[in-house]
PDB file of N, CA and C in Angstrom:
ATOM      1  N   MET A   1     132.155  63.864 -30.211  1.00  0.00           N
ATOM      2  CA  MET A   1     133.388  62.864 -30.892  1.00  0.00           C
ATOM      3  C   MET A   1     134.772  63.937 -31.331  1.00  0.00           C
ATOM      4  N   PHE A   2     134.011  65.222 -32.112  1.00  0.00           N
ATOM      5  CA  PHE A   2     134.665  66.037 -32.551  1.00  0.00           C
ATOM      6  C   PHE A   2     135.003  67.025 -30.931  1.00  0.00           C
ATOM      7  N   ARG A   3     134.491  66.765 -30.029  1.00  0.00           N
ATOM      8  CA  ARG A   3     134.778  67.881 -29.067  1.00  0.00           C
ATOM      9  C   ARG A   3     135.925  67.349 -28.269  1.00  0.00           C
ATOM     10  N   ASP A   4     136.415  66.132 -28.525  1.00  0.00           N
ATOM     11  CA  ASP A   4     137.681  65.517 -28.081  1.00  0.00           C
ATOM     12  C   ASP A   4     138.969  66.019 -28.544  1.00  0.00           C
ATOM     13  N   ASN A   5     139.529  66.761 -27.777  1.00  0.00           N
ATOM     14  CA  ASN A   5     140.905  67.570 -28.268  1.00  0.00           C
ATOM     15  C   ASN A   5     141.912  66.162 -28.955  1.00  0.00           C
ATOM     16  N   ARG A   6     142.206  65.202 -28.130  1.00  0.00           N
ATOM     17  CA  ARG A   6     142.859  64.443 -28.400  1.00  0.00           C
ATOM     18  C   ARG A   6     142.408  63.490 -30.095  1.00  0.00           C
ATOM     19  N   PHE A   7     141.297  63.497 -29.979  1.00  0.00           N
ATOM     20  CA  PHE A   7     140.943  62.781 -31.216  1.00  0.00           C
ATOM     21  C   PHE A   7     140.867  64.014 -32.595  1.00  0.00           C
ATOM     22  N   GLN A   8     140.723  65.134 -32.333  1.00  0.00           N
ATOM     23  CA  GLN A   8     141.256  66.330 -33.113  1.00  0.00           C
ATOM     24  C   GLN A   8     142.563  66.312 -33.452  1.00  0.00           C
ATOM     25  N   TRP A   9     143.321  66.152 -32.615  1.00  0.00           N
ATOM     26  CA  TRP A   9     144.977  66.112 -32.646  1.00  0.00           C
ATOM     27  C   TRP A   9     145.239  64.618 -33.702  1.00  0.00           C
ATOM     28  N   ARG A  10     144.533  63.804 -33.291  1.00  0.00           N
ATOM     29  CA  ARG A  10     145.021  62.639 -34.165  1.00  0.00           C
ATOM     30  C   ARG A  10     144.627  62.588 -35.455  1.00  0.00           C
ATOM     31  N   LEU A  11     143.325  63.241 -35.678  1.00  0.00           N
ATOM     32  CA  LEU A  11     142.858  63.373 -37.038  1.00  0.00           C
ATOM     33  C   LEU A  11     143.805  64.261 -37.859  1.00  0.00           C
ATOM     34  N   ALA A  12     143.930  65.394 -37.266  1.00  0.00           N
ATOM     35  CA  ALA A  12     144.842  66.251 -38.142  1.00  0.00           C
ATOM     36  C   ALA A  12     146.286  65.488 -38.329  1.00  0.00           C
ATOM     37  N   HIS A  13     146.737  65.019 -37.457  1.00  0.00           N
ATOM     38  CA  HIS A  13     148.250  64.141 -37.636  1.00  0.00           C
ATOM     39  C   HIS A  13     148.067  63.205 -38.829  1.00  0.00           C
ATOM     40  N   LEU A  14     146.834  62.506 -39.001  1.00  0.00           N
ATOM     41  CA  LEU A  14     146.990  61.319 -40.004  1.00  0.00           C
ATOM     42  C   LEU A  14     146.436  62.084 -41.364  1.00  0.00           C
ATOM     43  N   THR A  15     145.816  63.341 -41.299  1.00  0.00           N
ATOM     44  CA  THR A  15     145.681  64.068 -42.420  1.00  0.00           C
ATOM     45  C   THR A  15     146.730  64.614 -43.003  1.00  0.00           C
ATOM     46  N   GLY A  16     147.869  64.851 -42.315  1.00  0.00           N
ATOM     47  CA  GLY A  16     149.073  65.548 -42.784  1.00  0.00           C
ATOM     48  C   GLY A  16     150.091  64.269 -43.566  1.00  0.00           C
ATOM     49  N   ILE A  17     149.716  62.785 -42.848  1.00  0.00           N
ATOM     50  CA  ILE A  17     150.419  61.603 -43.295  1.00  0.00           C
ATOM     51  C   ILE A  17     149.663  61.557 -44.850  1.00  0.00           C
ATOM     52  N   PHE A  18     148.703  61.713 -44.718  1.00  0.00           N
ATOM     53  CA  PHE A  18     147.908  61.178 -46.101  1.00  0.00           C
ATOM     54  C   PHE A  18     148.189  62.247 -47.044  1.00  0.00           C
ATOM     55  N   ASP A  19     148.244  63.381 -46.921  1.00  0.00           N
ATOM     56  CA  ASP A  19     148.428  64.511 -47.689  1.00  0.00           C
ATOM     57  C   ASP A  19     149.845  64.128 -48.231  1.00  0.00           C
ATOM     58  N   PHE A  20     150.914  64.200 -47.360  1.00  0.00           N
ATOM     59  CA  PHE A  20     152.073  63.633 -47.960  1.00  0.00           C
ATOM     60  C   PHE A  20     152.153  62.450 -48.800  1.00  0.00           C
ATOM     61  N   LEU A  21     151.675  61.229 -48.568  1.00  0.00           N
ATOM     62  CA  LEU A  21     151.465  60.046 -49.436  1.00  0.00           C
ATOM     63  C   LEU A  21     150.934  60.330 -50.694  1.00  0.00           C
ATOM     64  N   ASN A  22     149.807  61.110 -50.547  1.00  0.00           N
ATOM     65  CA  ASN A  22     149.102  61.422 -52.003  1.00  0.00           C
ATOM     66  C   ASN A  22     149.854  62.148 -52.849  1.00  0.00           C
ATOM     67  N   GLU A  23     150.843  63.055 -52.092  1.00  0.00           N
ATOM     68  CA  GLU A  23     151.941  63.660 -53.168  1.00  0.00           C
ATOM     69  C   GLU A  23     152.789  62.863 -53.529  1.00  0.00           C
ATOM     70  N   LEU A  24     153.379  62.039 -52.690  1.00  0.00           N
ATOM     71  CA  LEU A  24     154.197  61.145 -53.399  1.00  0.00           C
ATOM     72  C   LEU A  24     153.616  60.170 -54.460  1.00  0.00           C
ATOM     73  N   ASN A  25     152.638  59.935 -54.456  1.00  0.00           N
ATOM     74  CA  ASN A  25     151.625  58.665 -55.104  1.00  0.00           C
ATOM     75  C   ASN A  25     151.852  59.486 -56.629  1.00  0.00           C
ATOM     76  N   LEU A  26     151.271  60.746 -56.535  1.00  0.00           N
ATOM     77  CA  LEU A  26     151.265  61.382 -57.686  1.00  0.00           C
ATOM     78  C   LEU A  26     152.598  61.888 -58.374  1.00  0.00           C
ATOM     79  N   LYS A  27     153.630  62.244 -58.011  1.00  0.00           N
ATOM     80  CA  LYS A  27     154.977  62.149 -58.304  1.00  0.00           C
ATOM     81  C   LYS A  27     155.502  60.997 -58.763  1.00  0.00           C
ATOM     82  N   LEU A  28     155.062  59.917 -58.332  1.00  0.00           N
ATOM     83  CA  LEU A  28     155.564  58.478 -58.733  1.00  0.00           C
ATOM     84  C   LEU A  28     154.828  57.898 -59.982  1.00  0.00           C
ATOM     85  N   GLN A  29     153.508  58.452 -60.306  1.00  0.00           N
ATOM     86  CA  GLN A  29     152.880  58.088 -61.505  1.00  0.00           C
ATOM     87  C   GLN A  29     153.554  58.735 -62.694  1.00  0.00           C
ATOM     88  N   PHE A  30     154.327  59.592 -62.740  1.00  0.00           N
ATOM     89  CA  PHE A  30     155.073  60.038 -63.789  1.00  0.00           C
ATOM     90  C   PHE A  30     156.344  58.947 -64.335  1.00  0.00           C
ATOM     91  N   ARG A  31     156.463  59.014 -65.580  1.00  0.00           N
ATOM     92  CA  ARG A  31     157.602  58.023 -66.015  1.00  0.00           C
ATOM     93  C   ARG A  31     158.630  58.327 -65.637  1.00  0.00           C
ATOM     94  N   ASN A  32     159.331  57.462 -65.475  1.00  0.00           N
ATOM     95  CA  ASN A  32     160.600  57.448 -65.045  1.00  0.00           C
ATOM     96  C   ASN A  32     161.183  58.149 -63.878  1.00  0.00           C
ATOM     97  N   ASN A  33     160.310  58.056 -62.993  1.00  0.00           N
ATOM     98  CA  ASN A  33     160.504  58.643 -61.436  1.00  0.00           C
ATOM     99  C   ASN A  33     160.738  57.309 -60.417  1.00  0.00           C
ATOM    100  N   THR A  34     161.421  58.027 -59.419  1.00  0.00           N
ATOM    101  CA  THR A  34     161.937  56.857 -58.743  1.00  0.00           C
ATOM    102  C   THR A  34     161.714  57.726 -57.284  1.00  0.00           C
ATOM    103  N   ILE A  35     161.783  56.828 -55.914  1.00  0.00           N
ATOM    104  CA  ILE A  35     161.658  57.517 -54.787  1.00  0.00           C
ATOM    105  C   ILE A  35     162.905  58.383 -54.387  1.00  0.00           C
ATOM    106  N   ILE A  36     164.040  57.810 -54.822  1.00  0.00           N
ATOM    107  CA  ILE A  36     165.232  58.656 -54.543  1.00  0.00           C
ATOM    108  C   ILE A  36     165.331  60.073 -55.489  1.00  0.00           C
ATOM    109  N   SER A  37     164.897  60.016 -56.713  1.00  0.00           N
ATOM    110  CA  SER A  37     164.880  61.147 -57.354  1.00  0.00           C
ATOM    111  C   SER A  37     163.852  62.298 -56.903  1.00  0.00           C
ATOM    112  N   ASN A  38     163.016  61.529 -56.054  1.00  0.00           N
ATOM    113  CA  ASN A  38     161.804  62.504 -55.458  1.00  0.00           C
ATOM    114  C   ASN A  38     161.694  62.742 -54.121  1.00  0.00           C
ATOM    115  N   TYR A  39     162.732  62.322 -53.592  1.00  0.00           N
ATOM    116  CA  TYR A  39     163.041  62.387 -51.993  1.00  0.00           C
ATOM    117  C   TYR A  39     163.712  63.894 -51.654  1.00  0.00           C
ATOM    118  N   ASP A  40     164.247  64.426 -52.408  1.00  0.00           N
ATOM    119  CA  ASP A  40     164.676  65.835 -52.224  1.00  0.00           C
ATOM    120  C   ASP A  40     163.546  67.008 -52.587  1.00  0.00           C
ATOM    121  N   GLY A  41     162.472  66.725 -53.083  1.00  0.00           N
ATOM    122  CA  GLY A  41     161.566  67.572 -53.828  1.00  0.00           C
ATOM    123  C   GLY A  41     160.200  67.670 -52.663  1.00  0.00           C
ATOM    124  N   THR A  42     160.271  66.629 -51.619  1.00  0.00           N
ATOM    125  CA  THR A  42     159.212  66.928 -50.793  1.00  0.00           C
ATOM    126  C   THR A  42     159.506  67.368 -49.480  1.00  0.00           C
TER     127      THR A  42
END
């Protein structure tokens, strides 16, 4: 399973997406934050 290069590439891609979403989620948990105010910072 982990020897398949295609699977590894997809797993790495998904990891990057979820890392971005997690960072955005943490920023939005603070008061008075909106997506617009955080868009430039990510």
